[in-house]
Amino acid sequence: MSGTKIDNRDWSLLSFEEQLFQLEVEGYLVIPDLLPAEHLELLRAETSKLETRAVDYSVNQQVRSDLHRGGGEITRLIAHQPTTEFLARVFGDDVVFMSCVYARSEPGHPGISIHTDGQPYGSEIFGYEGSVPVMIRVLYYLQDLTPEVSPFRVIPRSHLSMHADGNPYLRYEDHPEQVIVTLKAGSAVFLNHRAFHGNSPNVGDYAREMLAIGYRPAWGGPVKEVNDWTDEDLRELPEEVLPFFIDPNISKIDFHGSNKPAGMKSEARGINPSRYGKH
C-alpha cells in the first residue's frame, strides 16, 4: 500500500452539495457515524449467528445474501431513516430496495479484486440486478476500517470512463491511482455501483464485518426481470421497511416516446450544472 493515497478526511464537514459531487463525480462518499454504538451492538449480535459460506478464492472471506428476511435489526436497517432520506434527495424518486448482503473479511483475507457491481447486460455473479442504470450500494461497517484491516479501495471517477479499460466486466488486481478509505465503525460508504472498487487484504488481528444494502431510483429498472418479492417475504417484514419493497422490476420509461411529447418541462433542478454549489 506504499504510496497509495488514504482518504481519511473529516467527512462530517461536507455540505449536501459537496456530498452529491463526491457521490456523482468521484463515485463514492463516506457518511460518518450513521449507526450509534448501541445499534452496532445489536447488528453484531445478529451477524454472529449468521450461517455463511466461503467465497471461491478464500475461506477467510465469508458471505451471506438475502438478508431482507428475518425481520430483525438487519432487516430494519433497510429503512434506516438518515440513509433513506439522503437517497430520496439524491434520486428525486421513490427509493427501491434491491439487495442486502453480509461480508466478513477475516485475518488472512487476500483482498477483493477491483471490479464494478454495475454490469449493463447482467452477469453470473450479479445476475440482472447489476444491469440497472443507477444503483447506490450503502456499505455499513461494523468495525473500524484501518490500513491493515481490509480497507475499502476505489478508483475515483472510474465510472465516468468511456475507454476500453473502463469495461465494467473487467477486473484488476491493483491500480496506481486507487484510493484507500479508512473509517470508524458505524460509518458507511455510499458507492456508485459503476465505480471500480474492492478491498485490501486483512493483515490485522480482527475480522471486519460489513452489511451492503443496494438501492435504486424507481425510474431505472433492470434489462431483464429479476425475482419479485413473494407474499411470504412481505408478510415477514417490519412495517417500516415495506415502502422500500417496491417491485424490483419497476421502470419509468417510454420506449415509444415521441420527439415532442406533450407537457415537457422547461426546468429540471436535478440536472442543473450548478447542483454542486461551489463546485
Protein backbone atom coordinates (compact mmCIF):
# COMPACT_ATOMS: atom_id res chain seq x y z
CA MET A 1 0.00 0.00 0.00
CA SER A 2 3.09 2.23 -0.03
CA GLY A 3 2.45 5.45 -1.93
CA THR A 4 -1.31 4.86 -2.16
CA LYS A 5 -3.50 7.79 -1.18
CA ILE A 6 -5.51 7.22 2.00
CA ASP A 7 -8.76 9.18 2.12
CA ASN A 8 -9.39 9.77 5.82
CA ARG A 9 -10.71 13.32 5.60
CA ASP A 10 -13.29 14.70 8.04
CA TRP A 11 -16.39 13.75 6.06
CA SER A 12 -18.69 15.44 8.57
CA LEU A 13 -17.68 18.84 7.14
CA LEU A 14 -19.28 18.25 3.73
CA SER A 15 -22.46 20.08 2.77
CA PHE A 16 -25.16 18.19 0.86
CA GLU A 17 -23.93 19.76 -2.39
CA GLU A 18 -20.39 18.57 -1.66
CA GLN A 19 -21.68 15.10 -0.78
CA LEU A 20 -23.58 14.98 -4.07
CA PHE A 21 -20.46 15.98 -6.03
CA GLN A 22 -18.44 13.33 -4.23
CA LEU A 23 -21.00 10.63 -4.98
CA GLU A 24 -21.91 11.54 -8.56
CA VAL A 25 -18.50 12.67 -9.83
CA GLU A 26 -15.95 10.84 -7.67
CA GLY A 27 -18.13 7.72 -7.39
CA TYR A 28 -18.04 7.24 -3.61
CA LEU A 29 -18.92 9.05 -0.41
CA VAL A 30 -18.44 8.39 3.29
CA ILE A 31 -21.15 9.42 5.73
CA PRO A 32 -19.67 9.07 9.21
CA ASP A 33 -21.39 7.91 12.39
CA LEU A 34 -24.60 6.73 10.74
CA LEU A 35 -25.00 3.99 13.34
CA PRO A 36 -24.50 4.65 17.07
CA ALA A 37 -22.64 2.18 19.30
CA GLU A 38 -25.79 0.55 20.69
CA HIS A 39 -27.13 -0.04 17.17
CA LEU A 40 -23.82 -1.64 16.18
CA GLU A 41 -24.04 -3.99 19.14
CA LEU A 42 -27.49 -5.16 18.07
CA LEU A 43 -26.35 -5.75 14.50
CA ARG A 44 -23.21 -7.61 15.58
CA ALA A 45 -25.33 -9.82 17.83
CA GLU A 46 -27.31 -10.88 14.74
CA THR A 47 -24.33 -11.28 12.39
CA SER A 48 -22.59 -13.52 14.93
CA LYS A 49 -25.40 -16.07 14.40
CA LEU A 50 -25.48 -16.00 10.60
CA GLU A 51 -24.69 -19.11 8.62
CA THR A 52 -22.19 -18.00 5.98
CA ARG A 53 -20.26 -19.56 3.11
CA ALA A 54 -16.71 -19.01 1.92
CA VAL A 55 -16.12 -17.39 -1.46
CA ASP A 56 -14.28 -19.35 -4.13
CA TYR A 57 -10.91 -17.70 -3.57
CA SER A 58 -10.55 -17.73 0.23
CA VAL A 59 -12.05 -19.33 3.32
CA ASN A 60 -11.23 -16.05 5.08
CA GLN A 61 -13.92 -14.21 3.15
CA GLN A 62 -17.35 -15.29 4.42
CA VAL A 63 -20.62 -14.07 2.89
CA ARG A 64 -24.40 -14.35 3.17
CA SER A 65 -27.06 -12.89 0.89
CA ASP A 66 -30.86 -12.47 1.02
CA LEU A 67 -30.72 -10.81 4.43
CA HIS A 68 -34.01 -8.97 3.97
CA ARG A 69 -35.66 -12.00 5.56
CA GLY A 70 -35.92 -12.47 9.31
CA GLY A 71 -37.40 -9.19 10.46
CA GLY A 72 -34.61 -8.38 12.92
CA GLU A 73 -32.20 -5.47 13.18
CA ILE A 74 -30.54 -6.26 9.84
CA THR A 75 -33.90 -6.16 8.07
CA ARG A 76 -34.83 -2.91 9.84
CA LEU A 77 -31.56 -1.37 8.69
CA ILE A 78 -33.05 -1.27 5.17
CA ALA A 79 -35.32 1.57 6.38
CA HIS A 80 -32.63 3.46 8.31
CA GLN A 81 -34.07 6.96 8.11
CA PRO A 82 -30.89 9.07 7.71
CA THR A 83 -29.86 6.84 4.81
CA THR A 84 -33.20 6.62 3.01
CA GLU A 85 -33.89 10.35 3.36
CA PHE A 86 -30.48 11.12 1.86
CA LEU A 87 -31.08 8.71 -1.04
CA ALA A 88 -34.55 10.14 -1.72
CA ARG A 89 -32.91 13.55 -2.04
CA VAL A 90 -30.21 12.21 -4.38
CA PHE A 91 -32.62 10.20 -6.55
CA GLY A 92 -35.58 12.61 -6.57
CA ASP A 93 -37.67 9.48 -6.89
CA ASP A 94 -39.01 6.51 -4.93
CA VAL A 95 -36.20 4.56 -3.30
CA VAL A 96 -36.33 0.89 -4.33
CA PHE A 97 -34.58 -1.71 -2.20
CA MET A 98 -32.73 -4.35 -4.26
CA SER A 99 -30.49 -6.46 -2.02
CA CYS A 100 -28.87 -6.92 1.38
CA VAL A 101 -25.58 -8.84 1.71
CA TYR A 102 -23.26 -9.61 4.62
CA ALA A 103 -19.49 -9.98 4.19
CA ARG A 104 -16.83 -10.78 6.77
CA SER A 105 -13.16 -10.33 5.91
CA GLU A 106 -11.16 -12.36 8.44
CA PRO A 107 -7.42 -12.11 9.13
CA GLY A 108 -5.71 -13.71 6.15
CA HIS A 109 -8.32 -12.48 3.65
CA PRO A 110 -6.33 -11.72 0.46
CA GLY A 111 -8.41 -8.74 -0.65
CA ILE A 112 -11.18 -8.33 -3.23
CA SER A 113 -10.19 -7.65 -6.83
CA ILE A 114 -11.02 -4.23 -8.22
CA HIS A 115 -14.34 -4.60 -10.02
CA THR A 116 -17.71 -2.98 -10.64
CA ASP A 117 -21.11 -4.07 -9.33
CA GLY A 118 -22.84 -2.45 -12.30
CA GLN A 119 -22.86 -4.66 -15.39
CA PRO A 120 -25.28 -3.41 -18.04
CA TYR A 121 -26.12 -6.82 -19.56
CA GLY A 122 -26.14 -8.78 -16.30
CA SER A 123 -23.68 -11.49 -15.25
CA GLU A 124 -23.49 -14.82 -13.46
CA ILE A 125 -22.09 -13.11 -10.36
CA PHE A 126 -24.56 -10.22 -10.08
CA GLY A 127 -27.50 -11.55 -12.09
CA TYR A 128 -29.62 -8.88 -13.76
CA GLU A 129 -29.76 -6.76 -10.62
CA GLY A 130 -26.48 -5.19 -11.74
CA SER A 131 -27.98 -4.14 -15.08
CA VAL A 132 -29.94 -1.23 -13.59
CA PRO A 133 -28.60 2.13 -14.84
CA VAL A 134 -28.29 3.66 -11.36
CA MET A 135 -27.69 2.00 -8.02
CA ILE A 136 -26.15 3.12 -4.76
CA ARG A 137 -24.80 0.40 -2.51
CA VAL A 138 -24.60 1.50 1.12
CA LEU A 139 -21.74 -0.31 2.84
CA TYR A 140 -22.18 -0.22 6.62
CA TYR A 141 -19.02 -1.17 8.52
CA LEU A 142 -19.44 -2.82 11.91
CA GLN A 143 -15.76 -2.50 12.86
CA ASP A 144 -13.11 0.16 12.26
CA LEU A 145 -11.52 0.15 8.80
CA THR A 146 -7.78 0.64 9.16
CA PRO A 147 -4.97 0.32 6.59
CA GLU A 148 -4.34 -3.18 7.99
CA VAL A 149 -7.93 -4.44 8.27
CA SER A 150 -9.39 -4.75 4.74
CA PRO A 151 -9.94 -1.07 4.00
CA PHE A 152 -12.21 -0.12 1.11
CA ARG A 153 -10.41 0.82 -2.09
CA VAL A 154 -11.80 2.66 -5.09
CA ILE A 155 -10.65 4.25 -8.33
CA PRO A 156 -12.29 7.71 -8.26
CA ARG A 157 -14.18 8.76 -11.39
CA SER A 158 -13.67 5.34 -12.99
CA HIS A 159 -17.42 5.12 -13.62
CA LEU A 160 -17.13 8.09 -15.99
CA SER A 161 -14.61 6.49 -18.36
CA MET A 162 -15.57 5.68 -21.96
CA HIS A 163 -12.22 3.91 -22.56
CA ALA A 164 -11.98 0.14 -23.07
CA ASP A 165 -10.18 -0.02 -19.72
CA GLY A 166 -13.49 1.05 -18.18
CA ASN A 167 -15.33 -2.02 -19.48
CA PRO A 168 -17.40 -2.88 -16.38
CA TYR A 169 -16.78 -6.60 -16.88
CA LEU A 170 -13.02 -6.23 -16.32
CA ARG A 171 -11.27 -6.88 -13.01
CA TYR A 172 -7.94 -5.55 -11.79
CA GLU A 173 -5.50 -6.84 -9.21
CA ASP A 174 -4.31 -3.34 -8.34
CA HIS A 175 -4.20 0.22 -9.67
CA PRO A 176 -1.65 3.01 -9.13
CA GLU A 177 -4.34 5.67 -8.66
CA GLN A 178 -6.64 3.75 -6.33
CA VAL A 179 -7.69 5.44 -3.11
CA ILE A 180 -7.83 3.65 0.23
CA VAL A 181 -10.70 4.62 2.54
CA THR A 182 -10.44 4.20 6.30
CA LEU A 183 -13.26 5.00 8.72
CA LYS A 184 -14.72 4.34 12.15
CA ALA A 185 -17.24 1.59 12.89
CA GLY A 186 -20.79 2.81 12.33
CA SER A 187 -19.84 4.85 9.26
CA ALA A 188 -20.87 3.90 5.73
CA VAL A 189 -19.51 4.16 2.21
CA PHE A 190 -22.11 5.14 -0.40
CA LEU A 191 -20.90 3.61 -3.66
CA ASN A 192 -21.93 4.30 -7.24
CA HIS A 193 -22.24 0.72 -8.46
CA ARG A 194 -20.44 1.51 -11.72
CA ALA A 195 -17.26 2.68 -9.95
CA PHE A 196 -14.31 0.28 -9.84
CA HIS A 197 -13.69 -0.74 -6.24
CA GLY A 198 -12.63 -3.60 -3.96
CA ASN A 199 -10.91 -4.03 -0.63
CA SER A 200 -7.39 -4.69 0.59
CA PRO A 201 -6.06 -7.72 2.47
CA ASN A 202 -6.77 -8.17 6.15
CA VAL A 203 -3.34 -8.31 7.78
CA GLY A 204 -4.73 -7.18 11.14
CA ASP A 205 -5.85 -9.13 14.17
CA TYR A 206 -9.66 -8.91 13.93
CA ALA A 207 -12.40 -9.63 11.40
CA ARG A 208 -14.10 -6.79 9.55
CA GLU A 209 -17.87 -7.12 9.05
CA MET A 210 -19.91 -5.23 6.50
CA LEU A 211 -23.58 -5.05 5.54
CA ALA A 212 -24.15 -3.90 1.94
CA ILE A 213 -27.63 -2.70 1.01
CA GLY A 214 -28.43 -1.81 -2.59
CA TYR A 215 -30.98 0.85 -3.58
CA ARG A 216 -32.00 2.40 -6.89
CA PRO A 217 -34.45 5.04 -8.11
CA ALA A 218 -37.77 3.71 -9.36
CA TRP A 219 -37.27 5.08 -12.88
CA GLY A 220 -34.37 2.74 -13.76
CA GLY A 221 -35.19 -0.97 -13.86
CA PRO A 222 -33.09 -3.97 -14.91
CA VAL A 223 -32.79 -5.06 -18.55
CA LYS A 224 -34.33 -8.44 -17.70
CA GLU A 225 -36.70 -9.38 -14.92
CA VAL A 226 -35.31 -10.25 -11.50
CA ASN A 227 -37.19 -12.19 -8.84
CA ASP A 228 -40.03 -10.19 -7.31
CA TRP A 229 -40.79 -10.29 -3.59
CA THR A 230 -43.05 -13.15 -2.57
CA ASP A 231 -46.09 -12.83 -0.34
CA GLU A 232 -44.11 -14.71 2.30
CA ASP A 233 -41.28 -12.16 2.04
CA LEU A 234 -43.68 -9.28 2.55
CA ARG A 235 -45.58 -10.89 5.43
CA GLU A 236 -42.36 -11.26 7.44
CA LEU A 237 -41.25 -7.67 7.03
CA PRO A 238 -41.41 -4.95 9.69
CA GLU A 239 -43.87 -2.24 8.69
CA GLU A 240 -41.22 0.46 8.40
CA VAL A 241 -39.34 -1.30 5.58
CA LEU A 242 -42.38 -2.03 3.39
CA PRO A 243 -42.25 1.32 1.49
CA PHE A 244 -38.88 0.27 0.04
CA PHE A 245 -40.07 -3.14 -1.14
CA ILE A 246 -41.44 -1.79 -4.38
CA ASP A 247 -41.42 -4.24 -7.32
CA PRO A 248 -37.68 -4.60 -8.10
CA ASN A 249 -38.56 -4.62 -11.83
CA ILE A 250 -40.37 -1.27 -11.76
CA SER A 251 -39.31 1.14 -14.52
CA LYS A 252 -40.49 4.56 -15.61
CA ILE A 253 -39.55 4.61 -19.28
CA ASP A 254 -41.42 5.30 -22.50
CA PHE A 255 -39.91 3.15 -25.24
CA HIS A 256 -42.25 4.65 -27.82
CA GLY A 257 -41.78 8.27 -26.73
CA SER A 258 -42.07 10.97 -29.40
CA ASN A 259 -39.68 13.80 -30.25
CA LYS A 260 -42.11 16.41 -28.97
CA PRO A 261 -44.17 14.82 -26.19
CA ALA A 262 -46.94 16.83 -24.57
CA GLY A 263 -46.26 18.52 -21.25
CA MET A 264 -42.49 18.93 -21.50
CA LYS A 265 -40.92 20.96 -18.68
CA SER A 266 -38.54 23.88 -19.10
CA GLU A 267 -36.56 23.32 -15.92
CA ALA A 268 -35.12 20.33 -14.06
CA ARG A 269 -33.08 21.06 -10.92
CA GLY A 270 -31.77 17.50 -10.73
CA ILE A 271 -29.59 18.02 -13.83
CA ASN A 272 -28.54 21.61 -13.12
CA PRO A 273 -24.78 22.04 -13.64
CA SER A 274 -24.99 24.25 -10.53
CA ARG A 275 -26.34 21.44 -8.32
CA TYR A 276 -22.91 21.01 -6.71
CA GLY A 277 -22.82 24.56 -5.37
CA LYS A 278 -19.30 25.97 -5.38
CA HIS A 279 -18.03 23.03 -7.45
